N, C-alpha and C. Protein backbone atom coordinates (compact mmCIF):
# COMPACT_ATOMS: atom_id res chain seq x y z
N MET A 1 45.97 179.21 -25.37
CA MET A 1 45.04 180.51 -25.85
C MET A 1 45.83 181.64 -26.01
N GLY A 2 45.46 182.50 -27.04
CA GLY A 2 46.08 183.80 -27.14
C GLY A 2 45.53 184.80 -26.24
N LYS A 3 46.19 185.92 -26.21
CA LYS A 3 45.66 187.16 -25.49
C LYS A 3 44.56 187.81 -26.24
N ILE A 4 43.67 188.35 -25.48
CA ILE A 4 42.57 189.14 -26.09
C ILE A 4 42.65 190.54 -25.50
N ILE A 5 42.58 191.44 -26.47
CA ILE A 5 42.78 192.79 -26.16
C ILE A 5 41.56 193.54 -26.69
N ALA A 6 40.68 194.15 -25.81
CA ALA A 6 39.48 194.85 -26.21
C ALA A 6 39.81 196.30 -26.14
N ILE A 7 39.44 197.06 -27.23
CA ILE A 7 39.69 198.38 -27.42
C ILE A 7 38.41 199.15 -27.05
N VAL A 8 38.36 200.04 -26.18
CA VAL A 8 37.22 200.84 -25.76
C VAL A 8 37.40 202.25 -25.84
N GLY A 9 36.38 203.04 -26.09
CA GLY A 9 36.61 204.49 -26.10
C GLY A 9 35.35 204.91 -26.86
N MET A 10 35.10 206.31 -26.75
CA MET A 10 34.10 207.11 -27.52
C MET A 10 34.40 207.18 -28.92
N CYS A 11 33.40 207.38 -29.74
CA CYS A 11 33.56 207.50 -31.21
C CYS A 11 34.52 208.68 -31.39
N GLY A 12 35.50 208.27 -32.25
CA GLY A 12 36.44 209.36 -32.75
C GLY A 12 37.75 209.27 -31.80
N SER A 13 37.80 208.48 -30.90
CA SER A 13 39.04 208.42 -29.97
C SER A 13 40.20 207.78 -30.49
N GLY A 14 40.01 206.86 -31.53
CA GLY A 14 41.22 206.21 -32.17
C GLY A 14 41.27 204.75 -31.99
N LYS A 15 40.02 204.22 -31.74
CA LYS A 15 39.92 202.67 -31.64
C LYS A 15 40.32 201.93 -32.87
N SER A 16 39.97 202.34 -33.91
CA SER A 16 40.25 201.86 -35.25
C SER A 16 41.72 201.79 -35.63
N ILE A 17 42.38 202.95 -35.22
CA ILE A 17 43.85 202.94 -35.41
C ILE A 17 44.49 201.92 -34.46
N ALA A 18 43.95 201.72 -33.32
CA ALA A 18 44.56 200.70 -32.35
C ALA A 18 44.27 199.28 -32.85
N SER A 19 43.14 199.11 -33.49
CA SER A 19 42.82 197.79 -34.08
C SER A 19 43.67 197.46 -35.23
N ASP A 20 43.91 198.54 -36.14
CA ASP A 20 44.76 198.33 -37.24
C ASP A 20 46.21 197.95 -36.76
N TYR A 21 46.71 198.71 -35.70
CA TYR A 21 48.04 198.38 -35.17
C TYR A 21 48.19 196.92 -34.73
N TYR A 22 47.08 196.46 -34.08
CA TYR A 22 47.22 194.98 -33.49
C TYR A 22 47.08 194.02 -34.72
N GLU A 23 46.36 194.36 -35.71
CA GLU A 23 46.19 193.61 -36.89
C GLU A 23 47.71 193.44 -37.45
N LYS A 24 48.38 194.57 -37.61
CA LYS A 24 49.77 194.38 -38.17
C LYS A 24 50.63 193.57 -37.34
N LEU A 25 50.34 193.44 -36.01
CA LEU A 25 51.19 192.68 -35.22
C LEU A 25 50.78 191.16 -35.22
N GLY A 26 49.72 190.82 -36.11
CA GLY A 26 49.29 189.48 -36.23
C GLY A 26 47.99 189.05 -35.56
N PHE A 27 47.44 189.94 -34.68
CA PHE A 27 46.21 189.64 -33.99
C PHE A 27 45.11 189.64 -34.97
N GLN A 28 44.15 188.72 -34.65
CA GLN A 28 42.93 188.68 -35.46
C GLN A 28 41.97 189.72 -34.94
N ASN A 29 41.44 190.53 -35.86
CA ASN A 29 40.53 191.59 -35.45
C ASN A 29 39.16 191.19 -35.58
N ILE A 30 38.36 191.27 -34.46
CA ILE A 30 36.96 191.04 -34.39
C ILE A 30 36.30 192.37 -34.09
N TYR A 31 35.55 192.92 -35.12
CA TYR A 31 34.97 194.28 -35.04
C TYR A 31 33.55 194.18 -34.62
N PHE A 32 33.17 194.58 -33.48
CA PHE A 32 31.86 194.39 -32.94
C PHE A 32 30.79 195.01 -33.91
N GLY A 33 31.20 196.26 -34.52
CA GLY A 33 30.36 196.87 -35.37
C GLY A 33 29.88 196.13 -36.61
N LYS A 34 30.59 195.09 -36.92
CA LYS A 34 30.26 194.24 -38.04
C LYS A 34 28.91 193.54 -37.85
N VAL A 35 28.73 193.22 -36.64
CA VAL A 35 27.40 192.61 -36.29
C VAL A 35 26.32 193.67 -36.76
N THR A 36 26.37 194.86 -36.43
CA THR A 36 25.46 195.86 -36.86
C THR A 36 25.47 195.97 -38.35
N LEU A 37 26.50 196.14 -39.02
CA LEU A 37 26.49 196.28 -40.48
C LEU A 37 25.89 195.06 -41.23
N ASP A 38 26.33 193.89 -40.69
CA ASP A 38 25.57 192.58 -41.28
C ASP A 38 24.15 192.64 -41.14
N GLN A 39 23.63 192.97 -39.84
CA GLN A 39 22.32 193.20 -39.77
C GLN A 39 21.53 194.09 -40.68
N LEU A 40 22.19 195.26 -40.93
CA LEU A 40 21.63 196.30 -41.70
C LEU A 40 21.51 195.66 -43.17
N LYS A 41 22.54 194.84 -43.64
CA LYS A 41 22.43 194.34 -44.94
C LYS A 41 21.33 193.30 -44.99
N ARG A 42 21.21 192.51 -43.89
CA ARG A 42 20.10 191.49 -43.89
C ARG A 42 18.79 192.16 -43.99
N GLU A 43 18.61 193.29 -43.31
CA GLU A 43 17.33 193.91 -43.38
C GLU A 43 17.13 195.00 -44.60
N ASN A 44 18.17 194.96 -45.41
CA ASN A 44 18.05 195.79 -46.66
C ASN A 44 18.03 197.29 -46.20
N LEU A 45 18.62 197.68 -45.14
CA LEU A 45 18.72 199.16 -44.81
C LEU A 45 20.05 199.74 -45.13
N GLU A 46 19.84 200.99 -45.49
CA GLU A 46 21.12 201.85 -45.81
C GLU A 46 21.97 201.97 -44.63
N ILE A 47 23.28 201.96 -44.82
CA ILE A 47 24.16 202.24 -43.75
C ILE A 47 24.27 203.71 -43.44
N THR A 48 23.53 204.14 -42.40
CA THR A 48 23.58 205.49 -41.96
C THR A 48 23.76 205.55 -40.42
N PRO A 49 24.21 206.63 -39.75
CA PRO A 49 24.38 206.62 -38.34
C PRO A 49 22.95 206.28 -37.71
N ASP A 50 21.93 206.79 -38.20
CA ASP A 50 20.57 206.57 -37.58
C ASP A 50 20.18 205.08 -37.60
N ASN A 51 20.35 204.46 -38.82
CA ASN A 51 20.11 203.09 -39.03
C ASN A 51 20.92 202.15 -38.14
N GLU A 52 22.26 202.53 -38.03
CA GLU A 52 23.18 201.72 -37.12
C GLU A 52 22.72 201.87 -35.76
N LYS A 53 22.20 203.06 -35.32
CA LYS A 53 21.84 203.25 -33.90
C LYS A 53 20.47 202.25 -33.75
N LEU A 54 19.64 202.40 -34.79
CA LEU A 54 18.40 201.57 -34.66
C LEU A 54 18.79 200.05 -34.45
N ILE A 55 19.61 199.59 -35.24
CA ILE A 55 19.94 198.14 -35.24
C ILE A 55 20.67 197.82 -33.97
N ARG A 56 21.68 198.68 -33.51
CA ARG A 56 22.32 198.43 -32.17
C ARG A 56 21.27 198.22 -31.09
N GLU A 57 20.36 199.23 -31.06
CA GLU A 57 19.37 199.17 -29.90
C GLU A 57 18.49 198.00 -30.02
N LYS A 58 18.18 197.66 -31.34
CA LYS A 58 17.22 196.57 -31.49
C LYS A 58 17.82 195.18 -31.09
N LEU A 59 19.02 195.03 -31.31
CA LEU A 59 19.71 193.83 -30.92
C LEU A 59 19.92 193.82 -29.53
N ARG A 60 20.14 194.83 -28.85
CA ARG A 60 20.32 194.97 -27.34
C ARG A 60 18.86 194.65 -26.75
N LYS A 61 17.88 195.13 -27.36
CA LYS A 61 16.45 194.86 -26.85
C LYS A 61 16.17 193.34 -26.96
N GLU A 62 16.64 192.62 -28.07
CA GLU A 62 16.41 191.28 -28.34
C GLU A 62 17.31 190.37 -27.47
N TYR A 63 18.53 190.71 -27.36
CA TYR A 63 19.36 189.69 -26.69
C TYR A 63 19.95 190.32 -25.29
N GLY A 64 19.57 191.42 -25.01
CA GLY A 64 20.09 192.06 -23.72
C GLY A 64 21.34 192.95 -23.93
N MET A 65 21.81 193.73 -22.89
CA MET A 65 22.83 194.51 -23.02
C MET A 65 24.18 193.80 -23.42
N GLY A 66 24.13 192.58 -23.26
CA GLY A 66 25.40 191.81 -23.55
C GLY A 66 25.43 191.20 -25.07
N ALA A 67 24.44 191.78 -25.85
CA ALA A 67 24.17 191.16 -27.17
C ALA A 67 25.40 190.88 -28.05
N PHE A 68 26.30 191.88 -28.14
CA PHE A 68 27.36 191.73 -29.12
C PHE A 68 28.30 190.75 -28.60
N ALA A 69 28.56 190.68 -27.36
CA ALA A 69 29.45 189.75 -26.78
C ALA A 69 28.96 188.28 -26.94
N LEU A 70 27.48 188.25 -26.67
CA LEU A 70 26.92 186.90 -26.94
C LEU A 70 27.01 186.37 -28.31
N LEU A 71 26.68 187.27 -29.28
CA LEU A 71 26.69 186.94 -30.72
C LEU A 71 28.12 186.68 -31.23
N LEU A 72 29.13 187.22 -30.60
CA LEU A 72 30.45 186.95 -31.07
C LEU A 72 31.34 186.05 -30.22
N LEU A 73 30.74 185.48 -29.23
CA LEU A 73 31.46 184.65 -28.30
C LEU A 73 32.16 183.47 -28.88
N ASP A 74 31.60 182.70 -29.72
CA ASP A 74 32.24 181.53 -30.29
C ASP A 74 33.31 181.98 -31.26
N GLN A 75 32.98 182.96 -32.04
CA GLN A 75 34.03 183.53 -32.95
C GLN A 75 35.26 184.05 -32.23
N ILE A 76 35.12 184.66 -31.04
CA ILE A 76 36.20 185.17 -30.22
C ILE A 76 37.05 183.95 -29.56
N GLN A 77 36.08 182.93 -29.12
CA GLN A 77 36.90 181.69 -28.60
C GLN A 77 37.71 180.91 -29.62
N ASN A 78 36.98 180.83 -30.83
CA ASN A 78 37.83 180.08 -31.87
C ASN A 78 39.09 180.88 -32.16
N ALA A 79 38.95 182.18 -32.37
CA ALA A 79 40.10 182.93 -32.84
C ALA A 79 41.14 183.00 -31.85
N SER A 80 40.77 183.02 -30.52
CA SER A 80 41.83 183.04 -29.38
C SER A 80 42.57 181.71 -29.30
N GLN A 81 41.85 180.67 -29.76
CA GLN A 81 42.62 179.32 -29.69
C GLN A 81 43.66 179.24 -30.91
N LYS A 82 43.66 180.16 -31.77
CA LYS A 82 44.62 180.10 -32.79
C LYS A 82 45.79 181.22 -32.65
N GLY A 83 45.45 182.18 -31.74
CA GLY A 83 46.41 183.24 -31.56
C GLY A 83 45.86 184.39 -30.80
N ASN A 84 46.51 185.46 -30.79
CA ASN A 84 46.00 186.80 -30.16
C ASN A 84 44.94 187.33 -31.00
N VAL A 85 44.00 188.11 -30.26
CA VAL A 85 42.78 188.74 -30.89
C VAL A 85 42.71 190.12 -30.28
N VAL A 86 42.18 190.96 -31.27
CA VAL A 86 41.85 192.31 -30.80
C VAL A 86 40.40 192.51 -31.01
N LEU A 87 39.72 193.05 -30.03
CA LEU A 87 38.28 193.33 -30.09
C LEU A 87 38.01 194.74 -30.18
N ASP A 88 37.43 195.15 -31.36
CA ASP A 88 37.17 196.59 -31.65
C ASP A 88 35.85 196.87 -31.43
N GLY A 89 35.40 197.64 -30.33
CA GLY A 89 34.12 198.05 -30.28
C GLY A 89 33.28 197.52 -29.01
N LEU A 90 34.05 196.96 -28.08
CA LEU A 90 33.33 196.41 -26.84
C LEU A 90 32.53 197.68 -26.36
N TYR A 91 31.28 197.52 -26.14
CA TYR A 91 30.58 198.74 -25.60
C TYR A 91 29.98 198.65 -24.20
N SER A 92 29.16 197.64 -24.01
CA SER A 92 28.41 197.74 -22.77
C SER A 92 29.02 197.03 -21.56
N TRP A 93 28.83 197.31 -20.30
CA TRP A 93 29.20 196.69 -19.11
C TRP A 93 28.89 195.28 -19.11
N ASP A 94 27.64 194.80 -19.65
CA ASP A 94 27.26 193.45 -19.67
C ASP A 94 28.11 192.72 -20.64
N GLU A 95 28.58 193.29 -21.72
CA GLU A 95 29.38 192.70 -22.64
C GLU A 95 30.75 192.40 -22.06
N TYR A 96 31.24 193.38 -21.33
CA TYR A 96 32.58 193.14 -20.56
C TYR A 96 32.35 192.13 -19.64
N LYS A 97 31.33 192.02 -18.87
CA LYS A 97 31.26 190.99 -17.79
C LYS A 97 31.24 189.62 -18.36
N ILE A 98 30.42 189.46 -19.54
CA ILE A 98 30.36 188.19 -20.27
C ILE A 98 31.75 187.69 -20.65
N LEU A 99 32.46 188.64 -21.29
CA LEU A 99 33.83 188.36 -21.74
C LEU A 99 34.79 188.23 -20.70
N LYS A 100 34.89 188.82 -19.68
CA LYS A 100 35.69 188.60 -18.52
C LYS A 100 35.40 187.28 -17.91
N GLU A 101 34.20 186.97 -17.60
CA GLU A 101 33.86 185.63 -17.05
C GLU A 101 34.38 184.53 -17.88
N LYS A 102 34.28 184.67 -19.24
CA LYS A 102 34.67 183.68 -20.18
C LYS A 102 36.20 183.61 -20.29
N PHE A 103 36.73 184.58 -20.44
CA PHE A 103 38.31 184.68 -20.86
C PHE A 103 39.26 185.13 -19.68
N GLN A 104 38.65 185.50 -18.60
CA GLN A 104 39.25 185.90 -17.30
C GLN A 104 40.66 186.66 -17.63
N ASP A 105 41.74 186.17 -17.29
CA ASP A 105 43.07 186.97 -17.25
C ASP A 105 43.53 187.08 -18.70
N GLU A 106 43.00 186.37 -19.61
CA GLU A 106 43.43 186.46 -21.00
C GLU A 106 42.96 187.73 -21.68
N LEU A 107 41.96 188.32 -21.02
CA LEU A 107 41.25 189.58 -21.53
C LEU A 107 41.84 190.84 -20.86
N SER A 108 42.28 191.64 -21.62
CA SER A 108 42.90 192.98 -21.28
C SER A 108 42.02 193.99 -21.91
N VAL A 109 41.74 195.04 -21.30
CA VAL A 109 40.91 196.20 -21.89
C VAL A 109 41.70 197.38 -21.87
N ILE A 110 41.82 198.14 -23.13
CA ILE A 110 42.64 199.40 -23.15
C ILE A 110 41.57 200.43 -23.55
N ALA A 111 41.41 201.44 -22.71
CA ALA A 111 40.46 202.52 -22.99
C ALA A 111 41.35 203.63 -23.73
N ILE A 112 40.84 204.16 -24.84
CA ILE A 112 41.41 205.34 -25.47
C ILE A 112 40.58 206.48 -25.19
N ILE A 113 41.22 207.40 -24.53
CA ILE A 113 40.50 208.61 -24.13
C ILE A 113 41.08 209.84 -24.93
N THR A 114 40.11 210.69 -25.44
CA THR A 114 40.53 211.75 -26.15
C THR A 114 39.40 213.00 -25.76
N ASP A 115 39.88 214.06 -25.70
CA ASP A 115 39.15 215.30 -25.35
C ASP A 115 38.10 215.39 -26.36
N LYS A 116 36.82 215.72 -25.86
CA LYS A 116 35.73 215.71 -26.73
C LYS A 116 35.88 216.60 -27.96
N LYS A 117 36.30 217.85 -27.68
CA LYS A 117 36.59 218.74 -28.89
C LYS A 117 37.45 218.16 -29.87
N ILE A 118 38.53 217.52 -29.54
CA ILE A 118 39.37 216.78 -30.49
C ILE A 118 38.75 215.74 -31.25
N ARG A 119 38.06 214.96 -30.44
CA ARG A 119 37.17 213.78 -31.16
C ARG A 119 36.25 214.32 -32.15
N TYR A 120 35.51 215.50 -31.81
CA TYR A 120 34.49 215.88 -32.77
C TYR A 120 35.14 216.41 -33.97
N GLN A 121 36.35 217.15 -33.76
CA GLN A 121 36.96 217.58 -34.96
C GLN A 121 37.40 216.41 -35.87
N ARG A 122 37.96 215.41 -35.20
CA ARG A 122 38.38 214.20 -36.05
C ARG A 122 37.20 213.59 -36.86
N LEU A 123 36.00 213.44 -35.96
CA LEU A 123 34.90 212.87 -36.74
C LEU A 123 34.41 213.61 -37.96
N GLU A 124 34.50 215.02 -37.73
CA GLU A 124 34.02 215.85 -38.87
C GLU A 124 35.07 215.62 -40.08
N GLN A 125 36.22 215.54 -39.82
CA GLN A 125 37.15 215.49 -40.92
C GLN A 125 37.36 214.07 -41.46
N ARG A 126 36.94 212.95 -40.82
CA ARG A 126 37.24 211.62 -41.46
C ARG A 126 36.54 211.27 -42.77
N THR A 127 37.19 210.56 -43.51
CA THR A 127 36.61 210.38 -44.85
C THR A 127 35.45 209.23 -44.84
N ILE A 128 35.62 208.18 -43.87
CA ILE A 128 34.59 207.21 -43.70
C ILE A 128 33.65 207.39 -42.55
N ARG A 129 32.38 207.51 -42.82
CA ARG A 129 31.42 207.81 -41.89
C ARG A 129 31.62 209.07 -41.05
N PRO A 130 31.73 210.21 -41.71
CA PRO A 130 31.96 211.43 -40.90
C PRO A 130 30.71 211.79 -40.10
N PHE A 131 30.91 212.61 -39.01
CA PHE A 131 29.80 213.06 -38.26
C PHE A 131 30.03 214.55 -37.98
N SER A 132 28.81 215.21 -38.03
CA SER A 132 28.82 216.63 -37.68
C SER A 132 29.00 216.73 -36.14
N ASN A 133 29.35 217.89 -35.51
CA ASN A 133 29.41 217.92 -34.11
C ASN A 133 28.04 217.47 -33.51
N GLU A 134 26.96 217.84 -34.15
CA GLU A 134 25.68 217.60 -33.49
C GLU A 134 25.36 216.12 -33.56
N LYS A 135 25.68 215.48 -34.67
CA LYS A 135 25.60 214.04 -34.74
C LYS A 135 26.46 213.36 -33.81
N ALA A 136 27.70 213.82 -33.70
CA ALA A 136 28.68 213.16 -32.68
C ALA A 136 28.17 213.33 -31.30
N ARG A 137 27.66 214.49 -30.92
CA ARG A 137 27.08 214.61 -29.49
C ARG A 137 25.91 213.59 -29.33
N GLU A 138 25.05 213.45 -30.38
CA GLU A 138 23.81 212.71 -30.23
C GLU A 138 24.32 211.31 -30.06
N ARG A 139 25.41 210.92 -30.75
CA ARG A 139 25.91 209.56 -30.70
C ARG A 139 26.51 209.29 -29.38
N ASP A 140 27.24 210.24 -28.93
CA ASP A 140 27.82 210.09 -27.51
C ASP A 140 26.82 209.76 -26.45
N ILE A 141 25.78 210.69 -26.45
CA ILE A 141 24.74 210.43 -25.41
C ILE A 141 23.95 209.23 -25.63
N ALA A 142 23.61 208.90 -26.86
CA ALA A 142 22.88 207.55 -27.09
C ALA A 142 23.87 206.43 -26.57
N GLU A 143 25.12 206.47 -26.93
CA GLU A 143 26.10 205.24 -26.44
C GLU A 143 26.09 205.28 -24.96
N ILE A 144 26.17 206.38 -24.30
CA ILE A 144 26.20 206.42 -22.83
C ILE A 144 24.85 205.86 -22.19
N GLU A 145 23.79 206.48 -22.67
CA GLU A 145 22.52 206.18 -22.04
C GLU A 145 21.85 204.83 -22.54
N ASN A 146 22.07 204.52 -23.81
CA ASN A 146 21.46 203.32 -24.23
C ASN A 146 22.25 202.05 -24.48
N SER A 147 23.56 202.27 -24.33
CA SER A 147 24.51 201.13 -24.55
C SER A 147 25.42 200.79 -23.31
N ALA A 148 25.33 201.74 -22.28
CA ALA A 148 25.97 201.43 -21.12
C ALA A 148 27.49 201.51 -21.31
N LYS A 149 27.91 202.30 -22.26
CA LYS A 149 29.35 202.34 -22.80
C LYS A 149 30.42 202.79 -21.71
N GLY A 150 29.92 203.59 -20.76
CA GLY A 150 30.85 204.03 -19.70
C GLY A 150 31.55 203.05 -18.91
N GLY A 151 30.90 201.98 -18.61
CA GLY A 151 31.49 200.88 -17.63
C GLY A 151 32.79 200.31 -18.04
N PRO A 152 32.89 199.74 -19.28
CA PRO A 152 34.21 199.26 -19.76
C PRO A 152 35.22 200.33 -19.79
N ILE A 153 34.91 201.53 -20.22
CA ILE A 153 35.89 202.54 -20.15
C ILE A 153 36.43 202.88 -18.77
N ALA A 154 35.41 203.01 -17.85
CA ALA A 154 35.94 203.40 -16.46
C ALA A 154 36.59 202.15 -15.83
N TYR A 155 36.41 201.04 -16.29
CA TYR A 155 36.98 199.85 -15.62
C TYR A 155 38.15 199.22 -16.51
N ALA A 156 38.62 199.96 -17.38
CA ALA A 156 39.76 199.44 -18.25
C ALA A 156 40.90 199.02 -17.48
N ASP A 157 41.82 198.13 -18.16
CA ASP A 157 42.98 197.88 -17.39
C ASP A 157 44.13 198.88 -17.73
N TYR A 158 44.11 199.42 -18.95
CA TYR A 158 44.98 200.43 -19.43
C TYR A 158 44.41 201.58 -19.91
N TYR A 159 45.01 202.72 -19.85
CA TYR A 159 44.52 203.99 -20.48
C TYR A 159 45.44 204.69 -21.33
N ILE A 160 44.99 205.20 -22.50
CA ILE A 160 45.90 206.04 -23.27
C ILE A 160 45.16 207.28 -23.68
N LEU A 161 45.90 208.43 -23.33
CA LEU A 161 45.30 209.69 -23.69
C LEU A 161 45.79 210.06 -25.05
N ASN A 162 44.82 210.11 -25.92
CA ASN A 162 45.16 210.22 -27.50
C ASN A 162 44.72 211.65 -27.99
N ASN A 163 45.47 212.61 -27.42
CA ASN A 163 45.21 213.98 -27.89
C ASN A 163 46.20 214.47 -28.72
N GLY A 164 47.29 213.66 -28.94
CA GLY A 164 48.39 214.30 -29.75
C GLY A 164 48.58 213.64 -31.17
N ASP A 165 49.84 213.41 -31.45
CA ASP A 165 50.11 212.93 -32.78
C ASP A 165 50.12 211.42 -32.84
N LEU A 166 50.08 210.95 -34.03
CA LEU A 166 49.97 209.45 -34.22
C LEU A 166 51.15 208.77 -33.70
N GLU A 167 52.35 209.34 -33.90
CA GLU A 167 53.62 208.68 -33.34
C GLU A 167 53.54 208.49 -31.92
N THR A 168 53.09 209.47 -31.12
CA THR A 168 52.95 209.35 -29.62
C THR A 168 52.05 208.27 -29.30
N TYR A 169 50.75 208.27 -30.08
CA TYR A 169 49.91 207.28 -29.74
C TYR A 169 50.42 205.81 -29.99
N ILE A 170 51.16 205.51 -30.97
CA ILE A 170 51.68 204.29 -31.32
C ILE A 170 52.71 203.95 -30.30
N LYS A 171 53.55 204.93 -29.78
CA LYS A 171 54.47 204.45 -28.72
C LYS A 171 53.65 204.13 -27.41
N HIS A 172 52.47 204.67 -27.08
CA HIS A 172 51.73 204.17 -26.04
C HIS A 172 51.18 202.75 -26.18
N LEU A 173 50.80 202.47 -27.42
CA LEU A 173 50.28 201.19 -27.75
C LEU A 173 51.41 200.19 -27.66
N ASP A 174 52.65 200.50 -28.00
CA ASP A 174 53.78 199.59 -28.03
C ASP A 174 54.08 199.21 -26.52
N ARG A 175 54.09 200.23 -25.70
CA ARG A 175 54.42 200.00 -24.26
C ARG A 175 53.38 199.15 -23.61
N ILE A 176 52.08 199.43 -23.80
CA ILE A 176 51.00 198.60 -23.24
C ILE A 176 51.03 197.17 -23.74
N THR A 177 51.24 197.12 -25.03
CA THR A 177 51.25 195.64 -25.66
C THR A 177 52.42 194.87 -25.13
N LYS A 178 53.56 195.48 -24.85
CA LYS A 178 54.67 194.70 -24.29
C LYS A 178 54.27 194.26 -22.78
N GLN A 179 53.57 195.06 -22.08
CA GLN A 179 53.04 194.69 -20.70
C GLN A 179 52.07 193.56 -20.91
N ILE A 180 51.15 193.70 -21.77
CA ILE A 180 50.10 192.58 -21.84
C ILE A 180 50.73 191.36 -22.19
N LEU A 181 51.73 191.37 -23.24
CA LEU A 181 52.24 190.13 -23.73
C LEU A 181 53.38 189.61 -22.82
N GLY A 182 53.63 190.32 -21.70
CA GLY A 182 54.63 189.85 -20.83
C GLY A 182 56.02 190.17 -21.09
N GLU A 183 56.24 191.02 -22.06
CA GLU A 183 57.64 191.31 -22.52
C GLU A 183 58.35 192.24 -21.62
N VAL A 184 57.62 193.06 -20.84
CA VAL A 184 58.17 194.04 -19.79
C VAL A 184 57.24 193.97 -18.65
N LYS A 185 57.85 194.32 -17.40
CA LYS A 185 56.96 194.36 -16.19
C LYS A 185 56.32 195.76 -16.33
N SER A 186 55.17 195.80 -15.73
CA SER A 186 54.27 197.14 -15.72
C SER A 186 54.98 198.03 -14.62
């Protein structure tokens, strides 16, 4: 079984960059948000922040707070039998508990932490799904209150402060990845 690395953090912290980094290392990327996007398509809804929130909360109401882990569990298991896996978008504490129970020591969680002001600037400037400061703040609050997002961030195995440049961020990812893969002692 391969290693499973879950990337957690608030919107705009740099989770997608970390997932892309792991994909380049040969990890299979399982994007939790794809569950939401696929459901939007099935329901013929436009992809907007409000509709995404609606679907995320609807799925959690239907399947519980562990919804995304439950819906992706077989895909994660199959992928990990073939090699290493990166999980982009683990949100809730219940999702974390489901995955930790299933994969135990094979699962490592990396929390990407970025000052709120910097995250909001990044979100405003990004080309794909940009957010105004007001929308970013609304999303933060909704994710904390309705998705229990704080638990996996607070209980992560590793932390990266991503307030600086991309080169520094990648160096942190390199260091942590070597620890997780057993290439260096922590």
